[in-house]
PDB file of N, CA and C in Angstrom:
ATOM      1  N   UNK A   1      -2.950 -18.872  33.481  1.00  0.00           N
ATOM      2  CA  UNK A   1      -3.941 -18.058  34.163  1.00  0.00           C
ATOM      3  C   UNK A   1      -4.168 -18.677  35.537  1.00  0.00           C
ATOM      4  N   UNK A   2      -4.106 -17.867  36.558  1.00  0.00           N
ATOM      5  CA  UNK A   2      -4.342 -18.411  37.892  1.00  0.00           C
ATOM      6  C   UNK A   2      -5.848 -18.517  38.170  1.00  0.00           C
ATOM      7  N   UNK A   3      -6.192 -19.152  39.269  1.00  0.00           N
ATOM      8  CA  UNK A   3      -7.608 -19.404  39.585  1.00  0.00           C
ATOM      9  C   UNK A   3      -8.411 -18.119  39.756  1.00  0.00           C
ATOM     10  N   UNK A   4      -7.818 -17.119  40.373  1.00  0.00           N
ATOM     11  CA  UNK A   4      -8.526 -15.848  40.560  1.00  0.00           C
ATOM     12  C   UNK A   4      -8.836 -15.206  39.214  1.00  0.00           C
ATOM     13  N   UNK A   5      -7.859 -15.189  38.329  1.00  0.00           N
ATOM     14  CA  UNK A   5      -8.070 -14.621  36.996  1.00  0.00           C
ATOM     15  C   UNK A   5      -9.118 -15.422  36.225  1.00  0.00           C
ATOM     16  N   UNK A   6      -9.019 -16.747  36.307  1.00  0.00           N
ATOM     17  CA  UNK A   6      -9.980 -17.603  35.617  1.00  0.00           C
ATOM     18  C   UNK A   6     -11.397 -17.308  36.101  1.00  0.00           C
ATOM     19  N   UNK A   7     -11.571 -17.193  37.410  1.00  0.00           N
ATOM     20  CA  UNK A   7     -12.892 -16.902  37.969  1.00  0.00           C
ATOM     21  C   UNK A   7     -13.386 -15.539  37.500  1.00  0.00           C
ATOM     22  N   UNK A   8     -12.508 -14.542  37.480  1.00  0.00           N
ATOM     23  CA  UNK A   8     -12.894 -13.207  37.015  1.00  0.00           C
ATOM     24  C   UNK A   8     -13.338 -13.235  35.558  1.00  0.00           C
ATOM     25  N   UNK A   9     -12.583 -13.950  34.730  1.00  0.00           N
ATOM     26  CA  UNK A   9     -12.939 -14.059  33.308  1.00  0.00           C
ATOM     27  C   UNK A   9     -14.289 -14.743  33.158  1.00  0.00           C
ATOM     28  N   UNK A  10     -14.481 -15.847  33.858  1.00  0.00           N
ATOM     29  CA  UNK A  10     -15.753 -16.570  33.749  1.00  0.00           C
ATOM     30  C   UNK A  10     -16.923 -15.751  34.292  1.00  0.00           C
ATOM     31  N   UNK A  11     -16.725 -15.100  35.435  1.00  0.00           N
ATOM     32  CA  UNK A  11     -17.798 -14.269  35.990  1.00  0.00           C
ATOM     33  C   UNK A  11     -18.163 -13.146  35.024  1.00  0.00           C
ATOM     34  N   UNK A  12     -17.164 -12.496  34.453  1.00  0.00           N
ATOM     35  CA  UNK A  12     -17.411 -11.416  33.491  1.00  0.00           C
ATOM     36  C   UNK A  12     -18.114 -11.963  32.250  1.00  0.00           C
ATOM     37  N   UNK A  13     -17.676 -13.133  31.789  1.00  0.00           N
ATOM     38  CA  UNK A  13     -18.289 -13.706  30.588  1.00  0.00           C
ATOM     39  C   UNK A  13     -19.762 -14.030  30.818  1.00  0.00           C
ATOM     40  N   UNK A  14     -20.114 -14.512  32.003  1.00  0.00           N
ATOM     41  CA  UNK A  14     -21.521 -14.815  32.294  1.00  0.00           C
ATOM     42  C   UNK A  14     -22.348 -13.531  32.363  1.00  0.00           C
ATOM     43  N   UNK A  15     -21.754 -12.474  32.902  1.00  0.00           N
ATOM     44  CA  UNK A  15     -22.457 -11.189  32.941  1.00  0.00           C
ATOM     45  C   UNK A  15     -22.706 -10.684  31.510  1.00  0.00           C
ATOM     46  N   UNK A  16     -21.663 -10.710  30.693  1.00  0.00           N
ATOM     47  CA  UNK A  16     -21.798 -10.285  29.299  1.00  0.00           C
ATOM     48  C   UNK A  16     -22.775 -11.179  28.543  1.00  0.00           C
ATOM     49  N   UNK A  17     -22.698 -12.463  28.795  1.00  0.00           N
ATOM     50  CA  UNK A  17     -23.599 -13.415  28.142  1.00  0.00           C
ATOM     51  C   UNK A  17     -25.054 -13.074  28.450  1.00  0.00           C
ATOM     52  N   UNK A  18     -25.331 -12.746  29.686  1.00  0.00           N
ATOM     53  CA  UNK A  18     -26.694 -12.391  30.089  1.00  0.00           C
ATOM     54  C   UNK A  18     -27.204 -11.187  29.301  1.00  0.00           C
ATOM     55  N   UNK A  19     -26.355 -10.188  29.140  1.00  0.00           N
ATOM     56  CA  UNK A  19     -26.738  -8.980  28.391  1.00  0.00           C
ATOM     57  C   UNK A  19     -26.968  -9.303  26.918  1.00  0.00           C
ATOM     58  N   UNK A  20     -26.007  -9.981  26.304  1.00  0.00           N
ATOM     59  CA  UNK A  20     -26.087 -10.285  24.872  1.00  0.00           C
ATOM     60  C   UNK A  20     -27.265 -11.206  24.580  1.00  0.00           C
ATOM     61  N   UNK A  21     -27.427 -12.238  25.384  1.00  0.00           N
ATOM     62  CA  UNK A  21     -28.523 -13.179  25.146  1.00  0.00           C
ATOM     63  C   UNK A  21     -29.886 -12.499  25.307  1.00  0.00           C
ATOM     64  N   UNK A  22     -30.006 -11.637  26.286  1.00  0.00           N
ATOM     65  CA  UNK A  22     -31.252 -10.907  26.477  1.00  0.00           C
ATOM     66  C   UNK A  22     -31.566 -10.032  25.258  1.00  0.00           C
ATOM     67  N   UNK A  23     -30.546  -9.333  24.755  1.00  0.00           N
ATOM     68  CA  UNK A  23     -30.740  -8.500  23.561  1.00  0.00           C
ATOM     69  C   UNK A  23     -31.136  -9.352  22.354  1.00  0.00           C
ATOM     70  N   UNK A  24     -30.500 -10.513  22.213  1.00  0.00           N
ATOM     71  CA  UNK A  24     -30.824 -11.407  21.107  1.00  0.00           C
ATOM     72  C   UNK A  24     -32.277 -11.882  21.210  1.00  0.00           C
ATOM     73  N   UNK A  25     -32.664 -12.336  22.387  1.00  0.00           N
ATOM     74  CA  UNK A  25     -34.019 -12.863  22.569  1.00  0.00           C
ATOM     75  C   UNK A  25     -35.086 -11.787  22.403  1.00  0.00           C
ATOM     76  N   UNK A  26     -34.749 -10.553  22.721  1.00  0.00           N
ATOM     77  CA  UNK A  26     -35.712  -9.456  22.594  1.00  0.00           C
ATOM     78  C   UNK A  26     -35.716  -8.807  21.210  1.00  0.00           C
ATOM     79  N   UNK A  27     -34.767  -9.206  20.372  1.00  0.00           N
ATOM     80  CA  UNK A  27     -34.686  -8.642  19.021  1.00  0.00           C
ATOM     81  C   UNK A  27     -35.801  -9.254  18.185  1.00  0.00           C
ATOM     82  N   UNK A  28     -36.561  -8.432  17.516  1.00  0.00           N
ATOM     83  CA  UNK A  28     -37.756  -8.910  16.814  1.00  0.00           C
ATOM     84  C   UNK A  28     -37.516  -9.358  15.372  1.00  0.00           C
ATOM     85  N   UNK A  29     -36.330  -9.176  14.852  1.00  0.00           N
ATOM     86  CA  UNK A  29     -36.072  -9.502  13.442  1.00  0.00           C
ATOM     87  C   UNK A  29     -36.237 -10.998  13.178  1.00  0.00           C
ATOM     88  N   UNK A  30     -36.727 -11.296  11.993  1.00  0.00           N
ATOM     89  CA  UNK A  30     -36.801 -12.667  11.495  1.00  0.00           C
ATOM     90  C   UNK A  30     -36.050 -12.713  10.167  1.00  0.00           C
ATOM     91  N   UNK A  31     -35.699 -13.907   9.746  1.00  0.00           N
ATOM     92  CA  UNK A  31     -34.928 -14.076   8.517  1.00  0.00           C
ATOM     93  C   UNK A  31     -35.557 -13.292   7.371  1.00  0.00           C
ATOM     94  N   UNK A  32     -34.722 -12.536   6.698  1.00  0.00           N
ATOM     95  CA  UNK A  32     -35.190 -11.726   5.577  1.00  0.00           C
ATOM     96  C   UNK A  32     -35.432 -10.277   5.944  1.00  0.00           C
ATOM     97  N   UNK A  33     -35.583  -9.992   7.234  1.00  0.00           N
ATOM     98  CA  UNK A  33     -35.766  -8.605   7.680  1.00  0.00           C
ATOM     99  C   UNK A  33     -34.488  -7.804   7.473  1.00  0.00           C
ATOM    100  N   UNK A  34     -34.671  -6.497   7.417  1.00  0.00           N
ATOM    101  CA  UNK A  34     -33.531  -5.590   7.274  1.00  0.00           C
ATOM    102  C   UNK A  34     -32.569  -5.717   8.464  1.00  0.00           C
ATOM    103  N   UNK A  35     -33.089  -5.971   9.648  1.00  0.00           N
ATOM    104  CA  UNK A  35     -32.273  -6.054  10.854  1.00  0.00           C
ATOM    105  C   UNK A  35     -31.797  -7.478  11.177  1.00  0.00           C
ATOM    106  N   UNK A  36     -32.022  -8.425  10.272  1.00  0.00           N
ATOM    107  CA  UNK A  36     -31.667  -9.818  10.533  1.00  0.00           C
ATOM    108  C   UNK A  36     -30.180  -9.987  10.843  1.00  0.00           C
ATOM    109  N   UNK A  37     -29.320  -9.328  10.079  1.00  0.00           N
ATOM    110  CA  UNK A  37     -27.883  -9.489  10.319  1.00  0.00           C
ATOM    111  C   UNK A  37     -27.473  -8.939  11.680  1.00  0.00           C
ATOM    112  N   UNK A  38     -28.150  -7.904  12.139  1.00  0.00           N
ATOM    113  CA  UNK A  38     -27.853  -7.383  13.487  1.00  0.00           C
ATOM    114  C   UNK A  38     -28.188  -8.442  14.537  1.00  0.00           C
ATOM    115  N   UNK A  39     -29.313  -9.106  14.363  1.00  0.00           N
ATOM    116  CA  UNK A  39     -29.684 -10.169  15.302  1.00  0.00           C
ATOM    117  C   UNK A  39     -28.671 -11.318  15.226  1.00  0.00           C
ATOM    118  N   UNK A  40     -28.211 -11.626  14.034  1.00  0.00           N
ATOM    119  CA  UNK A  40     -27.223 -12.688  13.860  1.00  0.00           C
ATOM    120  C   UNK A  40     -25.878 -12.304  14.483  1.00  0.00           C
ATOM    121  N   UNK A  41     -25.546 -11.035  14.454  1.00  0.00           N
ATOM    122  CA  UNK A  41     -24.321 -10.569  15.124  1.00  0.00           C
ATOM    123  C   UNK A  41     -24.416 -10.790  16.624  1.00  0.00           C
ATOM    124  N   UNK A  42     -25.588 -10.546  17.188  1.00  0.00           N
ATOM    125  CA  UNK A  42     -25.787 -10.809  18.620  1.00  0.00           C
ATOM    126  C   UNK A  42     -25.642 -12.298  18.917  1.00  0.00           C
ATOM    127  N   UNK A  43     -26.195 -13.134  18.044  1.00  0.00           N
ATOM    128  CA  UNK A  43     -26.068 -14.578  18.223  1.00  0.00           C
ATOM    129  C   UNK A  43     -24.609 -15.012  18.129  1.00  0.00           C
ATOM    130  N   UNK A  44     -23.879 -14.429  17.207  1.00  0.00           N
ATOM    131  CA  UNK A  44     -22.454 -14.738  17.069  1.00  0.00           C
ATOM    132  C   UNK A  44     -21.692 -14.334  18.334  1.00  0.00           C
ATOM    133  N   UNK A  45     -21.999 -13.172  18.878  1.00  0.00           N
ATOM    134  CA  UNK A  45     -21.363 -12.734  20.124  1.00  0.00           C
ATOM    135  C   UNK A  45     -21.700 -13.693  21.264  1.00  0.00           C
ATOM    136  N   UNK A  46     -22.933 -14.142  21.319  1.00  0.00           N
ATOM    137  CA  UNK A  46     -23.368 -15.110  22.331  1.00  0.00           C
ATOM    138  C   UNK A  46     -22.550 -16.399  22.225  1.00  0.00           C
ATOM    139  N   UNK A  47     -22.395 -16.897  21.005  1.00  0.00           N
ATOM    140  CA  UNK A  47     -21.638 -18.134  20.798  1.00  0.00           C
ATOM    141  C   UNK A  47     -20.153 -17.940  21.109  1.00  0.00           C
ATOM    142  N   UNK A  48     -19.631 -16.752  20.816  1.00  0.00           N
ATOM    143  CA  UNK A  48     -18.228 -16.459  21.134  1.00  0.00           C
ATOM    144  C   UNK A  48     -18.007 -16.473  22.646  1.00  0.00           C
ATOM    145  N   UNK A  49     -18.978 -15.981  23.388  1.00  0.00           N
ATOM    146  CA  UNK A  49     -18.871 -16.022  24.850  1.00  0.00           C
ATOM    147  C   UNK A  49     -18.918 -17.457  25.362  1.00  0.00           C
ATOM    148  N   UNK A  50     -19.737 -18.298  24.733  1.00  0.00           N
ATOM    149  CA  UNK A  50     -19.757 -19.718  25.102  1.00  0.00           C
ATOM    150  C   UNK A  50     -18.393 -20.360  24.828  1.00  0.00           C
ATOM    151  N   UNK A  51     -17.775 -19.993  23.723  1.00  0.00           N
ATOM    152  CA  UNK A  51     -16.440 -20.519  23.415  1.00  0.00           C
ATOM    153  C   UNK A  51     -15.435 -20.066  24.470  1.00  0.00           C
ATOM    154  N   UNK A  52     -15.505 -18.813  24.867  1.00  0.00           N
ATOM    155  CA  UNK A  52     -14.633 -18.303  25.921  1.00  0.00           C
ATOM    156  C   UNK A  52     -14.816 -19.107  27.207  1.00  0.00           C
ATOM    157  N   UNK A  53     -16.050 -19.387  27.552  1.00  0.00           N
ATOM    158  CA  UNK A  53     -16.330 -20.161  28.762  1.00  0.00           C
ATOM    159  C   UNK A  53     -15.798 -21.585  28.651  1.00  0.00           C
ATOM    160  N   UNK A  54     -15.979 -22.201  27.502  1.00  0.00           N
ATOM    161  CA  UNK A  54     -15.469 -23.553  27.283  1.00  0.00           C
ATOM    162  C   UNK A  54     -13.951 -23.573  27.401  1.00  0.00           C
ATOM    163  N   UNK A  55     -13.307 -22.579  26.813  1.00  0.00           N
ATOM    164  CA  UNK A  55     -11.843 -22.540  26.791  1.00  0.00           C
ATOM    165  C   UNK A  55     -11.238 -22.215  28.149  1.00  0.00           C
ATOM    166  N   UNK A  56     -11.944 -21.472  28.985  1.00  0.00           N
ATOM    167  CA  UNK A  56     -11.350 -21.036  30.250  1.00  0.00           C
ATOM    168  C   UNK A  56     -11.821 -21.829  31.460  1.00  0.00           C
ATOM    169  N   UNK A  57     -12.773 -22.726  31.288  1.00  0.00           N
ATOM    170  CA  UNK A  57     -13.190 -23.568  32.411  1.00  0.00           C
ATOM    171  C   UNK A  57     -12.015 -24.374  32.919  1.00  0.00           C
ATOM    172  N   UNK A  58     -12.026 -24.640  34.198  1.00  0.00           N
ATOM    173  CA  UNK A  58     -10.958 -25.401  34.842  1.00  0.00           C
ATOM    174  C   UNK A  58     -10.988 -26.862  34.376  1.00  0.00           C
ATOM    175  N   UNK A  59      -9.847 -27.491  34.361  1.00  0.00           N
ATOM    176  CA  UNK A  59      -9.756 -28.892  33.980  1.00  0.00           C
ATOM    177  C   UNK A  59      -9.587 -29.057  32.483  1.00  0.00           C
ATOM    178  N   UNK A  60      -9.725 -30.299  32.055  1.00  0.00           N
ATOM    179  CA  UNK A  60      -9.590 -30.586  30.621  1.00  0.00           C
ATOM    180  C   UNK A  60     -10.733 -29.966  29.839  1.00  0.00           C
ATOM    181  N   UNK A  61     -10.408 -29.538  28.648  1.00  0.00           N
ATOM    182  CA  UNK A  61     -11.429 -28.938  27.793  1.00  0.00           C
ATOM    183  C   UNK A  61     -12.425 -30.016  27.376  1.00  0.00           C
ATOM    184  N   UNK A  62     -13.692 -29.686  27.437  1.00  0.00           N
ATOM    185  CA  UNK A  62     -14.743 -30.630  27.057  1.00  0.00           C
ATOM    186  C   UNK A  62     -14.912 -30.566  25.543  1.00  0.00           C
ATOM    187  N   UNK A  63     -14.482 -31.623  24.869  1.00  0.00           N
ATOM    188  CA  UNK A  63     -14.454 -31.624  23.411  1.00  0.00           C
ATOM    189  C   UNK A  63     -15.838 -31.516  22.795  1.00  0.00           C
ATOM    190  N   UNK A  64     -16.855 -32.063  23.441  1.00  0.00           N
ATOM    191  CA  UNK A  64     -18.207 -31.950  22.897  1.00  0.00           C
ATOM    192  C   UNK A  64     -18.672 -30.489  22.910  1.00  0.00           C
ATOM    193  N   UNK A  65     -18.352 -29.778  23.980  1.00  0.00           N
ATOM    194  CA  UNK A  65     -18.717 -28.358  24.045  1.00  0.00           C
ATOM    195  C   UNK A  65     -17.912 -27.543  23.039  1.00  0.00           C
ATOM    196  N   UNK A  66     -16.619 -27.840  22.923  1.00  0.00           N
ATOM    197  CA  UNK A  66     -15.768 -27.142  21.952  1.00  0.00           C
ATOM    198  C   UNK A  66     -16.298 -27.358  20.538  1.00  0.00           C
ATOM    199  N   UNK A  67     -16.650 -28.583  20.220  1.00  0.00           N
ATOM    200  CA  UNK A  67     -17.193 -28.898  18.898  1.00  0.00           C
ATOM    201  C   UNK A  67     -18.481 -28.126  18.651  1.00  0.00           C
ATOM    202  N   UNK A  68     -19.377 -28.108  19.634  1.00  0.00           N
ATOM    203  CA  UNK A  68     -20.634 -27.361  19.492  1.00  0.00           C
ATOM    204  C   UNK A  68     -20.381 -25.873  19.317  1.00  0.00           C
ATOM    205  N   UNK A  69     -19.452 -25.321  20.119  1.00  0.00           N
ATOM    206  CA  UNK A  69     -19.126 -23.895  20.003  1.00  0.00           C
ATOM    207  C   UNK A  69     -18.620 -23.570  18.602  1.00  0.00           C
ATOM    208  N   UNK A  70     -17.664 -24.344  18.126  1.00  0.00           N
ATOM    209  CA  UNK A  70     -17.076 -24.084  16.811  1.00  0.00           C
ATOM    210  C   UNK A  70     -18.101 -24.255  15.698  1.00  0.00           C
ATOM    211  N   UNK A  71     -18.923 -25.295  15.793  1.00  0.00           N
ATOM    212  CA  UNK A  71     -19.963 -25.523  14.786  1.00  0.00           C
ATOM    213  C   UNK A  71     -20.879 -24.292  14.700  1.00  0.00           C
ATOM    214  N   UNK A  72     -21.320 -23.808  15.847  1.00  0.00           N
ATOM    215  CA  UNK A  72     -22.222 -22.651  15.869  1.00  0.00           C
ATOM    216  C   UNK A  72     -21.562 -21.412  15.295  1.00  0.00           C
ATOM    217  N   UNK A  73     -20.340 -21.152  15.703  1.00  0.00           N
ATOM    218  CA  UNK A  73     -19.635 -19.960  15.231  1.00  0.00           C
ATOM    219  C   UNK A  73     -19.398 -20.025  13.729  1.00  0.00           C
ATOM    220  N   UNK A  74     -18.963 -21.174  13.237  1.00  0.00           N
ATOM    221  CA  UNK A  74     -18.732 -21.309  11.797  1.00  0.00           C
ATOM    222  C   UNK A  74     -20.029 -21.172  11.000  1.00  0.00           C
ATOM    223  N   UNK A  75     -21.095 -21.787  11.499  1.00  0.00           N
ATOM    224  CA  UNK A  75     -22.378 -21.745  10.798  1.00  0.00           C
ATOM    225  C   UNK A  75     -22.921 -20.320  10.729  1.00  0.00           C
ATOM    226  N   UNK A  76     -22.882 -19.611  11.832  1.00  0.00           N
ATOM    227  CA  UNK A  76     -23.371 -18.227  11.843  1.00  0.00           C
ATOM    228  C   UNK A  76     -22.480 -17.327  10.995  1.00  0.00           C
ATOM    229  N   UNK A  77     -21.172 -17.520  11.092  1.00  0.00           N
ATOM    230  CA  UNK A  77     -20.215 -16.684  10.358  1.00  0.00           C
ATOM    231  C   UNK A  77     -20.307 -16.875   8.850  1.00  0.00           C
ATOM    232  N   UNK A  78     -20.817 -18.009   8.412  1.00  0.00           N
ATOM    233  CA  UNK A  78     -20.913 -18.307   6.981  1.00  0.00           C
ATOM    234  C   UNK A  78     -21.669 -17.220   6.221  1.00  0.00           C
ATOM    235  N   UNK A  79     -22.694 -16.647   6.840  1.00  0.00           N
ATOM    236  CA  UNK A  79     -23.482 -15.610   6.149  1.00  0.00           C
ATOM    237  C   UNK A  79     -22.742 -14.283   6.042  1.00  0.00           C
ATOM    238  N   UNK A  80     -21.704 -14.107   6.844  1.00  0.00           N
ATOM    239  CA  UNK A  80     -20.921 -12.876   6.798  1.00  0.00           C
ATOM    240  C   UNK A  80     -19.699 -13.006   5.881  1.00  0.00           C
ATOM    241  N   UNK A  81     -19.168 -14.216   5.772  1.00  0.00           N
ATOM    242  CA  UNK A  81     -17.972 -14.456   4.951  1.00  0.00           C
ATOM    243  C   UNK A  81     -18.316 -15.594   3.981  1.00  0.00           C
ATOM    244  N   UNK A  82     -19.209 -15.325   3.081  1.00  0.00           N
ATOM    245  CA  UNK A  82     -19.764 -16.364   2.203  1.00  0.00           C
ATOM    246  C   UNK A  82     -18.712 -17.068   1.364  1.00  0.00           C
ATOM    247  N   UNK A  83     -17.685 -16.348   0.919  1.00  0.00           N
ATOM    248  CA  UNK A  83     -16.682 -16.939   0.038  1.00  0.00           C
ATOM    249  C   UNK A  83     -15.811 -17.979   0.751  1.00  0.00           C
ATOM    250  N   UNK A  84     -15.874 -18.043   2.059  1.00  0.00           N
ATOM    251  CA  UNK A  84     -15.018 -18.964   2.822  1.00  0.00           C
ATOM    252  C   UNK A  84     -15.635 -20.351   2.988  1.00  0.00           C
ATOM    253  N   UNK A  85     -16.899 -20.518   2.634  1.00  0.00           N
ATOM    254  CA  UNK A  85     -17.582 -21.810   2.777  1.00  0.00           C
ATOM    255  C   UNK A  85     -17.464 -22.372   4.195  1.00  0.00           C
ATOM    256  N   UNK A  86     -17.720 -21.538   5.169  1.00  0.00           N
ATOM    257  CA  UNK A  86     -17.581 -21.949   6.564  1.00  0.00           C
ATOM    258  C   UNK A  86     -18.609 -23.002   6.967  1.00  0.00           C
ATOM    259  N   UNK A  87     -19.780 -22.994   6.354  1.00  0.00           N
ATOM    260  CA  UNK A  87     -20.792 -24.011   6.667  1.00  0.00           C
ATOM    261  C   UNK A  87     -20.279 -25.393   6.284  1.00  0.00           C
ATOM    262  N   UNK A  88     -19.583 -25.492   5.165  1.00  0.00           N
ATOM    263  CA  UNK A  88     -18.984 -26.777   4.765  1.00  0.00           C
ATOM    264  C   UNK A  88     -17.993 -27.249   5.813  1.00  0.00           C
ATOM    265  N   UNK A  89     -17.173 -26.344   6.287  1.00  0.00           N
ATOM    266  CA  UNK A  89     -16.200 -26.690   7.328  1.00  0.00           C
ATOM    267  C   UNK A  89     -16.922 -27.110   8.595  1.00  0.00           C
ATOM    268  N   UNK A  90     -17.966 -26.382   8.965  1.00  0.00           N
ATOM    269  CA  UNK A  90     -18.740 -26.726  10.162  1.00  0.00           C
ATOM    270  C   UNK A  90     -19.327 -28.122  10.046  1.00  0.00           C
ATOM    271  N   UNK A  91     -19.848 -28.440   8.868  1.00  0.00           N
ATOM    272  CA  UNK A  91     -20.466 -29.759   8.669  1.00  0.00           C
ATOM    273  C   UNK A  91     -19.470 -30.900   8.838  1.00  0.00           C
ATOM    274  N   UNK A  92     -18.194 -30.634   8.643  1.00  0.00           N
ATOM    275  CA  UNK A  92     -17.174 -31.668   8.833  1.00  0.00           C
ATOM    276  C   UNK A  92     -16.990 -32.029  10.307  1.00  0.00           C
ATOM    277  N   UNK A  93     -17.438 -31.146  11.188  1.00  0.00           N
ATOM    278  CA  UNK A  93     -17.354 -31.440  12.619  1.00  0.00           C
ATOM    279  C   UNK A  93     -18.348 -32.518  13.029  1.00  0.00           C
ATOM    280  N   UNK A  94     -19.427 -32.640  12.267  1.00  0.00           N
ATOM    281  CA  UNK A  94     -20.460 -33.649  12.518  1.00  0.00           C
ATOM    282  C   UNK A  94     -20.714 -34.418  11.219  1.00  0.00           C
ATOM    283  N   UNK A  95     -19.808 -35.328  10.870  1.00  0.00           N
ATOM    284  CA  UNK A  95     -20.008 -36.057   9.608  1.00  0.00           C
ATOM    285  C   UNK A  95     -21.271 -36.896   9.629  1.00  0.00           C
ATOM    286  N   UNK A  96     -21.914 -36.974   8.476  1.00  0.00           N
ATOM    287  CA  UNK A  96     -23.116 -37.780   8.334  1.00  0.00           C
ATOM    288  C   UNK A  96     -22.773 -39.261   8.420  1.00  0.00           C
ATOM    289  N   UNK A  97     -23.582 -40.027   9.146  1.00  0.00           N
ATOM    290  CA  UNK A  97     -23.313 -41.480   9.180  1.00  0.00           C
ATOM    291  C   UNK A  97     -23.628 -42.104   7.834  1.00  0.00           C
ATOM    292  N   UNK A  98     -22.796 -43.029   7.413  1.00  0.00           N
ATOM    293  CA  UNK A  98     -23.019 -43.707   6.111  1.00  0.00           C
ATOM    294  C   UNK A  98     -23.408 -45.128   6.306  1.00  0.00           C
TER     295      UNK A  98
END
């Protein structure tokens, strides 16, 4: 990807992020509500945009940001694909100190 394309992707992602994040923050659902999964879908889209930004930023990929992006996506996705145990996989990204 050339620099112009990278900038276009990042600029578009920030625009989309602004829309999605605003919708998420304005969504009134709380855990247990009928609309809770819709709010969680918005959060998942928000995290996916963060992953896109992490992956397309210039230079070496920042592993701490990549880890945070993946942890968030796996944790949120766990409620949609329960049989996959994605939360367990996410927890492996941040092992507990022993």
